[in-house]
PDB file of N, CA and C in Angstrom:
ATOM      1  N   UNK A   1      33.345  14.527  13.087  1.00  0.00           N
ATOM      2  CA  UNK A   1      33.015  13.874  11.847  1.00  0.00           C
ATOM      3  C   UNK A   1      32.108  12.673  12.076  1.00  0.00           C
ATOM      4  N   UNK A   2      32.260  12.004  13.201  1.00  0.00           N
ATOM      5  CA  UNK A   2      31.413  10.848  13.495  1.00  0.00           C
ATOM      6  C   UNK A   2      29.967  11.275  13.700  1.00  0.00           C
ATOM      7  N   UNK A   3      29.735  12.469  14.250  1.00  0.00           N
ATOM      8  CA  UNK A   3      28.366  12.934  14.465  1.00  0.00           C
ATOM      9  C   UNK A   3      27.640  13.144  13.140  1.00  0.00           C
ATOM     10  N   UNK A   4      28.303  13.669  12.167  1.00  0.00           N
ATOM     11  CA  UNK A   4      27.690  13.888  10.860  1.00  0.00           C
ATOM     12  C   UNK A   4      27.310  12.549  10.233  1.00  0.00           C
ATOM     13  N   UNK A   5      28.172  11.574  10.358  1.00  0.00           N
ATOM     14  CA  UNK A   5      27.902  10.246   9.811  1.00  0.00           C
ATOM     15  C   UNK A   5      26.685   9.622  10.483  1.00  0.00           C
ATOM     16  N   UNK A   6      26.563   9.755  11.811  1.00  0.00           N
ATOM     17  CA  UNK A   6      25.424   9.190  12.536  1.00  0.00           C
ATOM     18  C   UNK A   6      24.115   9.864  12.137  1.00  0.00           C
ATOM     19  N   UNK A   7      24.134  11.182  11.966  1.00  0.00           N
ATOM     20  CA  UNK A   7      22.920  11.886  11.556  1.00  0.00           C
ATOM     21  C   UNK A   7      22.487  11.448  10.161  1.00  0.00           C
ATOM     22  N   UNK A   8      23.437  11.220   9.280  1.00  0.00           N
ATOM     23  CA  UNK A   8      23.102  10.766   7.931  1.00  0.00           C
ATOM     24  C   UNK A   8      22.473   9.381   7.971  1.00  0.00           C
ATOM     25  N   UNK A   9      22.968   8.493   8.818  1.00  0.00           N
ATOM     26  CA  UNK A   9      22.392   7.152   8.936  1.00  0.00           C
ATOM     27  C   UNK A   9      20.972   7.202   9.472  1.00  0.00           C
ATOM     28  N   UNK A  10      20.710   8.072  10.445  1.00  0.00           N
ATOM     29  CA  UNK A  10      19.365   8.178  11.012  1.00  0.00           C
ATOM     30  C   UNK A  10      18.368   8.664   9.972  1.00  0.00           C
ATOM     31  N   UNK A  11      18.773   9.639   9.157  1.00  0.00           N
ATOM     32  CA  UNK A  11      17.841  10.153   8.147  1.00  0.00           C
ATOM     33  C   UNK A  11      17.578   9.094   7.075  1.00  0.00           C
ATOM     34  N   UNK A  12      18.559   8.284   6.731  1.00  0.00           N
ATOM     35  CA  UNK A  12      18.359   7.213   5.748  1.00  0.00           C
ATOM     36  C   UNK A  12      17.413   6.158   6.302  1.00  0.00           C
ATOM     37  N   UNK A  13      17.551   5.812   7.572  1.00  0.00           N
ATOM     38  CA  UNK A  13      16.673   4.807   8.177  1.00  0.00           C
ATOM     39  C   UNK A  13      15.234   5.287   8.220  1.00  0.00           C
ATOM     40  N   UNK A  14      15.009   6.566   8.489  1.00  0.00           N
ATOM     41  CA  UNK A  14      13.649   7.095   8.538  1.00  0.00           C
ATOM     42  C   UNK A  14      12.994   7.057   7.168  1.00  0.00           C
ATOM     43  N   UNK A  15      13.727   7.333   6.106  1.00  0.00           N
ATOM     44  CA  UNK A  15      13.168   7.332   4.767  1.00  0.00           C
ATOM     45  C   UNK A  15      12.849   5.924   4.280  1.00  0.00           C
ATOM     46  N   UNK A  16      13.587   4.929   4.751  1.00  0.00           N
ATOM     47  CA  UNK A  16      13.425   3.567   4.266  1.00  0.00           C
ATOM     48  C   UNK A  16      12.257   2.836   4.923  1.00  0.00           C
ATOM     49  N   UNK A  17      11.664   3.388   5.955  1.00  0.00           N
ATOM     50  CA  UNK A  17      10.564   2.728   6.666  1.00  0.00           C
ATOM     51  C   UNK A  17       9.251   3.054   5.964  1.00  0.00           C
ATOM     52  N   UNK A  18       8.513   2.002   5.547  1.00  0.00           N
ATOM     53  CA  UNK A  18       7.223   2.168   4.898  1.00  0.00           C
ATOM     54  C   UNK A  18       6.138   1.616   5.808  1.00  0.00           C
ATOM     55  N   UNK A  19       5.021   2.303   5.831  1.00  0.00           N
ATOM     56  CA  UNK A  19       3.898   1.877   6.658  1.00  0.00           C
ATOM     57  C   UNK A  19       2.896   1.129   5.783  1.00  0.00           C
ATOM     58  N   UNK A  20       2.486  -0.056   6.216  1.00  0.00           N
ATOM     59  CA  UNK A  20       1.473  -0.819   5.496  1.00  0.00           C
ATOM     60  C   UNK A  20       0.120  -0.191   5.812  1.00  0.00           C
ATOM     61  N   UNK A  21      -0.590   0.246   4.790  1.00  0.00           N
ATOM     62  CA  UNK A  21      -1.849   0.945   4.979  1.00  0.00           C
ATOM     63  C   UNK A  21      -3.052   0.010   5.020  1.00  0.00           C
ATOM     64  N   UNK A  22      -2.940  -1.120   4.356  1.00  0.00           N
ATOM     65  CA  UNK A  22      -4.053  -2.056   4.339  1.00  0.00           C
ATOM     66  C   UNK A  22      -3.532  -3.460   4.047  1.00  0.00           C
ATOM     67  N   UNK A  23      -4.268  -4.455   4.528  1.00  0.00           N
ATOM     68  CA  UNK A  23      -3.866  -5.837   4.331  1.00  0.00           C
ATOM     69  C   UNK A  23      -5.114  -6.695   4.184  1.00  0.00           C
ATOM     70  N   UNK A  24      -5.093  -7.647   3.280  1.00  0.00           N
ATOM     71  CA  UNK A  24      -6.228  -8.532   3.064  1.00  0.00           C
ATOM     72  C   UNK A  24      -6.031  -9.798   3.905  1.00  0.00           C
ATOM     73  N   UNK A  25      -6.433  -9.756   5.155  1.00  0.00           N
ATOM     74  CA  UNK A  25      -6.277 -10.895   6.063  1.00  0.00           C
ATOM     75  C   UNK A  25      -7.240 -12.031   5.715  1.00  0.00           C
ATOM     76  N   UNK A  26      -8.364 -11.685   5.113  1.00  0.00           N
ATOM     77  CA  UNK A  26      -9.347 -12.700   4.735  1.00  0.00           C
ATOM     78  C   UNK A  26      -8.770 -13.659   3.691  1.00  0.00           C
ATOM     79  N   UNK A  27      -7.982 -13.127   2.767  1.00  0.00           N
ATOM     80  CA  UNK A  27      -7.378 -13.978   1.740  1.00  0.00           C
ATOM     81  C   UNK A  27      -6.419 -14.977   2.366  1.00  0.00           C
ATOM     82  N   UNK A  28      -5.680 -14.563   3.366  1.00  0.00           N
ATOM     83  CA  UNK A  28      -4.752 -15.479   4.035  1.00  0.00           C
ATOM     84  C   UNK A  28      -5.506 -16.570   4.796  1.00  0.00           C
ATOM     85  N   UNK A  29      -6.695 -16.244   5.274  1.00  0.00           N
ATOM     86  CA  UNK A  29      -7.516 -17.219   5.986  1.00  0.00           C
ATOM     87  C   UNK A  29      -8.158 -18.204   5.012  1.00  0.00           C
ATOM     88  N   UNK A  30      -8.651 -17.691   3.882  1.00  0.00           N
ATOM     89  CA  UNK A  30      -9.419 -18.491   2.927  1.00  0.00           C
ATOM     90  C   UNK A  30      -8.544 -19.336   2.003  1.00  0.00           C
ATOM     91  N   UNK A  31      -7.355 -18.841   1.660  1.00  0.00           N
ATOM     92  CA  UNK A  31      -6.535 -19.485   0.642  1.00  0.00           C
ATOM     93  C   UNK A  31      -5.140 -19.784   1.167  1.00  0.00           C
ATOM     94  N   UNK A  32      -4.462 -20.692   0.487  1.00  0.00           N
ATOM     95  CA  UNK A  32      -3.056 -20.949   0.768  1.00  0.00           C
ATOM     96  C   UNK A  32      -2.240 -20.053  -0.168  1.00  0.00           C
ATOM     97  N   UNK A  33      -1.483 -19.142   0.414  1.00  0.00           N
ATOM     98  CA  UNK A  33      -0.678 -18.206  -0.364  1.00  0.00           C
ATOM     99  C   UNK A  33       0.667 -18.863  -0.664  1.00  0.00           C
ATOM    100  N   UNK A  34       0.930 -19.143  -1.937  1.00  0.00           N
ATOM    101  CA  UNK A  34       2.173 -19.809  -2.327  1.00  0.00           C
ATOM    102  C   UNK A  34       3.280 -18.804  -2.636  1.00  0.00           C
ATOM    103  N   UNK A  35       2.921 -17.673  -3.173  1.00  0.00           N
ATOM    104  CA  UNK A  35       3.919 -16.684  -3.570  1.00  0.00           C
ATOM    105  C   UNK A  35       3.339 -15.291  -3.368  1.00  0.00           C
ATOM    106  N   UNK A  36       4.141 -14.373  -2.893  1.00  0.00           N
ATOM    107  CA  UNK A  36       3.694 -12.995  -2.734  1.00  0.00           C
ATOM    108  C   UNK A  36       4.586 -12.084  -3.561  1.00  0.00           C
ATOM    109  N   UNK A  37       3.980 -11.028  -4.072  1.00  0.00           N
ATOM    110  CA  UNK A  37       4.686 -10.009  -4.833  1.00  0.00           C
ATOM    111  C   UNK A  37       4.367  -8.672  -4.190  1.00  0.00           C
ATOM    112  N   UNK A  38       5.389  -7.930  -3.851  1.00  0.00           N
ATOM    113  CA  UNK A  38       5.189  -6.601  -3.283  1.00  0.00           C
ATOM    114  C   UNK A  38       5.447  -5.588  -4.377  1.00  0.00           C
ATOM    115  N   UNK A  39       4.459  -4.726  -4.617  1.00  0.00           N
ATOM    116  CA  UNK A  39       4.569  -3.765  -5.710  1.00  0.00           C
ATOM    117  C   UNK A  39       4.005  -2.422  -5.269  1.00  0.00           C
ATOM    118  N   UNK A  40       4.391  -1.415  -5.973  1.00  0.00           N
ATOM    119  CA  UNK A  40       3.868  -0.082  -5.708  1.00  0.00           C
ATOM    120  C   UNK A  40       2.625   0.170  -6.536  1.00  0.00           C
ATOM    121  N   UNK A  41       1.894   1.212  -6.168  1.00  0.00           N
ATOM    122  CA  UNK A  41       0.683   1.570  -6.893  1.00  0.00           C
ATOM    123  C   UNK A  41       0.651   3.084  -7.012  1.00  0.00           C
ATOM    124  N   UNK A  42       0.199   3.579  -8.151  1.00  0.00           N
ATOM    125  CA  UNK A  42       0.119   5.014  -8.362  1.00  0.00           C
ATOM    126  C   UNK A  42      -1.296   5.473  -8.047  1.00  0.00           C
ATOM    127  N   UNK A  43      -1.408   6.347  -7.074  1.00  0.00           N
ATOM    128  CA  UNK A  43      -2.703   6.890  -6.689  1.00  0.00           C
ATOM    129  C   UNK A  43      -2.720   8.380  -6.994  1.00  0.00           C
ATOM    130  N   UNK A  44      -3.831   8.845  -7.495  1.00  0.00           N
ATOM    131  CA  UNK A  44      -3.972  10.248  -7.837  1.00  0.00           C
ATOM    132  C   UNK A  44      -5.153  10.842  -7.085  1.00  0.00           C
ATOM    133  N   UNK A  45      -5.005  12.044  -6.604  1.00  0.00           N
ATOM    134  CA  UNK A  45      -6.119  12.759  -5.999  1.00  0.00           C
ATOM    135  C   UNK A  45      -6.410  12.374  -4.569  1.00  0.00           C
ATOM    136  N   UNK A  46      -7.695  12.336  -4.256  1.00  0.00           N
ATOM    137  CA  UNK A  46      -8.131  12.202  -2.871  1.00  0.00           C
ATOM    138  C   UNK A  46      -8.102  10.781  -2.338  1.00  0.00           C
ATOM    139  N   UNK A  47      -7.915   9.776  -3.221  1.00  0.00           N
ATOM    140  CA  UNK A  47      -7.895   8.404  -2.714  1.00  0.00           C
ATOM    141  C   UNK A  47      -6.716   8.164  -1.782  1.00  0.00           C
ATOM    142  N   UNK A  48      -5.659   8.943  -1.913  1.00  0.00           N
ATOM    143  CA  UNK A  48      -4.509   8.818  -1.013  1.00  0.00           C
ATOM    144  C   UNK A  48      -4.933   9.137   0.419  1.00  0.00           C
ATOM    145  N   UNK A  49      -5.648  10.239   0.596  1.00  0.00           N
ATOM    146  CA  UNK A  49      -6.117  10.629   1.928  1.00  0.00           C
ATOM    147  C   UNK A  49      -7.119   9.622   2.466  1.00  0.00           C
ATOM    148  N   UNK A  50      -7.978   9.113   1.610  1.00  0.00           N
ATOM    149  CA  UNK A  50      -8.973   8.151   2.026  1.00  0.00           C
ATOM    150  C   UNK A  50      -8.334   6.858   2.512  1.00  0.00           C
ATOM    151  N   UNK A  51      -7.312   6.370   1.801  1.00  0.00           N
ATOM    152  CA  UNK A  51      -6.616   5.145   2.216  1.00  0.00           C
ATOM    153  C   UNK A  51      -5.878   5.367   3.518  1.00  0.00           C
ATOM    154  N   UNK A  52      -5.247   6.523   3.678  1.00  0.00           N
ATOM    155  CA  UNK A  52      -4.542   6.819   4.935  1.00  0.00           C
ATOM    156  C   UNK A  52      -5.501   6.862   6.119  1.00  0.00           C
ATOM    157  N   UNK A  53      -6.755   7.233   5.875  1.00  0.00           N
ATOM    158  CA  UNK A  53      -7.762   7.231   6.935  1.00  0.00           C
ATOM    159  C   UNK A  53      -8.353   5.847   7.166  1.00  0.00           C
ATOM    160  N   UNK A  54      -7.968   4.862   6.360  1.00  0.00           N
ATOM    161  CA  UNK A  54      -8.448   3.498   6.534  1.00  0.00           C
ATOM    162  C   UNK A  54      -9.741   3.185   5.821  1.00  0.00           C
ATOM    163  N   UNK A  55     -10.114   3.986   4.830  1.00  0.00           N
ATOM    164  CA  UNK A  55     -11.367   3.785   4.108  1.00  0.00           C
ATOM    165  C   UNK A  55     -11.158   2.997   2.825  1.00  0.00           C
ATOM    166  N   UNK A  56     -10.612   1.802   2.955  1.00  0.00           N
ATOM    167  CA  UNK A  56     -10.382   0.934   1.806  1.00  0.00           C
ATOM    168  C   UNK A  56     -10.852  -0.474   2.155  1.00  0.00           C
ATOM    169  N   UNK A  57     -11.447  -1.159   1.183  1.00  0.00           N
ATOM    170  CA  UNK A  57     -11.941  -2.511   1.399  1.00  0.00           C
ATOM    171  C   UNK A  57     -11.273  -3.445   0.403  1.00  0.00           C
ATOM    172  N   UNK A  58     -10.416  -4.339   0.892  1.00  0.00           N
ATOM    173  CA  UNK A  58      -9.705  -5.292   0.044  1.00  0.00           C
ATOM    174  C   UNK A  58     -10.328  -6.680   0.056  1.00  0.00           C
ATOM    175  N   UNK A  59     -11.444  -6.857   0.706  1.00  0.00           N
ATOM    176  CA  UNK A  59     -11.993  -8.187   0.956  1.00  0.00           C
ATOM    177  C   UNK A  59     -12.205  -9.002  -0.318  1.00  0.00           C
ATOM    178  N   UNK A  60     -12.775  -8.426  -1.349  1.00  0.00           N
ATOM    179  CA  UNK A  60     -13.032  -9.150  -2.595  1.00  0.00           C
ATOM    180  C   UNK A  60     -11.986  -8.840  -3.661  1.00  0.00           C
ATOM    181  N   UNK A  61     -10.921  -8.155  -3.298  1.00  0.00           N
ATOM    182  CA  UNK A  61      -9.921  -7.742  -4.274  1.00  0.00           C
ATOM    183  C   UNK A  61      -9.017  -8.878  -4.709  1.00  0.00           C
ATOM    184  N   UNK A  62      -8.546  -8.775  -5.930  1.00  0.00           N
ATOM    185  CA  UNK A  62      -7.597  -9.747  -6.470  1.00  0.00           C
ATOM    186  C   UNK A  62      -6.778  -9.067  -7.553  1.00  0.00           C
ATOM    187  N   UNK A  63      -5.702  -9.722  -7.968  1.00  0.00           N
ATOM    188  CA  UNK A  63      -4.826  -9.188  -9.012  1.00  0.00           C
ATOM    189  C   UNK A  63      -4.952 -10.049 -10.257  1.00  0.00           C
ATOM    190  N   UNK A  64      -4.843  -9.396 -11.400  1.00  0.00           N
ATOM    191  CA  UNK A  64      -4.882 -10.077 -12.683  1.00  0.00           C
ATOM    192  C   UNK A  64      -3.662  -9.639 -13.490  1.00  0.00           C
ATOM    193  N   UNK A  65      -3.042 -10.593 -14.170  1.00  0.00           N
ATOM    194  CA  UNK A  65      -1.877 -10.300 -14.998  1.00  0.00           C
ATOM    195  C   UNK A  65      -2.332 -10.132 -16.440  1.00  0.00           C
ATOM    196  N   UNK A  66      -2.084  -8.943 -17.033  1.00  0.00           N
ATOM    197  CA  UNK A  66      -2.453  -8.677 -18.424  1.00  0.00           C
ATOM    198  C   UNK A  66      -1.356  -7.860 -19.095  1.00  0.00           C
ATOM    199  N   UNK A  67      -0.889  -8.329 -20.208  1.00  0.00           N
ATOM    200  CA  UNK A  67       0.099  -7.609 -21.025  1.00  0.00           C
ATOM    201  C   UNK A  67       1.314  -7.160 -20.221  1.00  0.00           C
ATOM    202  N   UNK A  68       1.798  -8.006 -19.341  1.00  0.00           N
ATOM    203  CA  UNK A  68       2.984  -7.683 -18.556  1.00  0.00           C
ATOM    204  C   UNK A  68       2.732  -6.738 -17.405  1.00  0.00           C
ATOM    205  N   UNK A  69       1.493  -6.445 -17.087  1.00  0.00           N
ATOM    206  CA  UNK A  69       1.135  -5.567 -15.976  1.00  0.00           C
ATOM    207  C   UNK A  69       0.271  -6.330 -14.979  1.00  0.00           C
ATOM    208  N   UNK A  70       0.316  -5.909 -13.739  1.00  0.00           N
ATOM    209  CA  UNK A  70      -0.552  -6.479 -12.706  1.00  0.00           C
ATOM    210  C   UNK A  70      -1.655  -5.469 -12.429  1.00  0.00           C
ATOM    211  N   UNK A  71      -2.901  -5.894 -12.565  1.00  0.00           N
ATOM    212  CA  UNK A  71      -4.046  -5.025 -12.327  1.00  0.00           C
ATOM    213  C   UNK A  71      -4.719  -5.422 -11.019  1.00  0.00           C
ATOM    214  N   UNK A  72      -5.037  -4.464 -10.198  1.00  0.00           N
ATOM    215  CA  UNK A  72      -5.753  -4.676  -8.951  1.00  0.00           C
ATOM    216  C   UNK A  72      -7.233  -4.448  -9.211  1.00  0.00           C
ATOM    217  N   UNK A  73      -8.047  -5.479  -8.983  1.00  0.00           N
ATOM    218  CA  UNK A  73      -9.469  -5.426  -9.311  1.00  0.00           C
ATOM    219  C   UNK A  73     -10.326  -5.651  -8.064  1.00  0.00           C
ATOM    220  N   UNK A  74     -11.560  -5.143  -8.115  1.00  0.00           N
ATOM    221  CA  UNK A  74     -12.572  -5.309  -7.061  1.00  0.00           C
ATOM    222  C   UNK A  74     -12.130  -4.785  -5.705  1.00  0.00           C
ATOM    223  N   UNK A  75     -11.404  -3.698  -5.689  1.00  0.00           N
ATOM    224  CA  UNK A  75     -11.017  -3.034  -4.441  1.00  0.00           C
ATOM    225  C   UNK A  75     -11.819  -1.745  -4.357  1.00  0.00           C
ATOM    226  N   UNK A  76     -12.450  -1.507  -3.222  1.00  0.00           N
ATOM    227  CA  UNK A  76     -13.257  -0.303  -3.046  1.00  0.00           C
ATOM    228  C   UNK A  76     -12.512   0.696  -2.169  1.00  0.00           C
ATOM    229  N   UNK A  77     -12.335   1.906  -2.687  1.00  0.00           N
ATOM    230  CA  UNK A  77     -11.748   3.002  -1.936  1.00  0.00           C
ATOM    231  C   UNK A  77     -12.844   4.048  -1.787  1.00  0.00           C
ATOM    232  N   UNK A  78     -13.261   4.295  -0.559  1.00  0.00           N
ATOM    233  CA  UNK A  78     -14.324   5.259  -0.302  1.00  0.00           C
ATOM    234  C   UNK A  78     -13.851   6.668  -0.630  1.00  0.00           C
ATOM    235  N   UNK A  79     -14.761   7.533  -1.106  1.00  0.00           N
ATOM    236  CA  UNK A  79     -14.359   8.919  -1.400  1.00  0.00           C
ATOM    237  C   UNK A  79     -14.002   9.667  -0.130  1.00  0.00           C
ATOM    238  N   UNK A  80     -13.052  10.563  -0.261  1.00  0.00           N
ATOM    239  CA  UNK A  80     -12.641  11.386   0.882  1.00  0.00           C
ATOM    240  C   UNK A  80     -13.701  12.456   1.106  1.00  0.00           C
ATOM    241  N   UNK A  81     -14.130  12.650   2.332  1.00  0.00           N
ATOM    242  CA  UNK A  81     -15.257  13.529   2.623  1.00  0.00           C
ATOM    243  C   UNK A  81     -14.909  15.013   2.580  1.00  0.00           C
ATOM    244  N   UNK A  82     -13.688  15.382   2.944  1.00  0.00           N
ATOM    245  CA  UNK A  82     -13.334  16.805   3.054  1.00  0.00           C
ATOM    246  C   UNK A  82     -12.659  17.309   1.778  1.00  0.00           C
ATOM    247  N   UNK A  83     -13.330  17.152   0.654  1.00  0.00           N
ATOM    248  CA  UNK A  83     -12.788  17.612  -0.615  1.00  0.00           C
ATOM    249  C   UNK A  83     -13.405  18.955  -0.942  1.00  0.00           C
ATOM    250  N   UNK A  84     -12.577  19.863  -1.409  1.00  0.00           N
ATOM    251  CA  UNK A  84     -13.146  21.116  -1.852  1.00  0.00           C
ATOM    252  C   UNK A  84     -12.476  22.271  -1.265  1.00  0.00           C
TER     253      UNK A  84
END
C-alpha cells in the first residue's frame, strides 16, 4: 500500500511543476519592481509552439488594467515556421 501512495505523490509533483518560457529581464534592470502578479494566458494556435521554441520578445511589453482585466501589450510572438 505504501508503494501506491508514493507513486501517486510522484505523479502529483510532476504535474505541479511549471516551466517559465520567457522572462523580461530588461524590465528588472530598468525599473524597480514593487509588486508582481503571476497570471495565466490563453494562447490559441501556433503561437504556443513558437513561444516554446523561444521566439517571443518581451522587451517593450507591459500590462494594462482595463475593466477588471489585465492586458498584455507590445509583446511580439514570431510566427511558427512549420505550419501547414
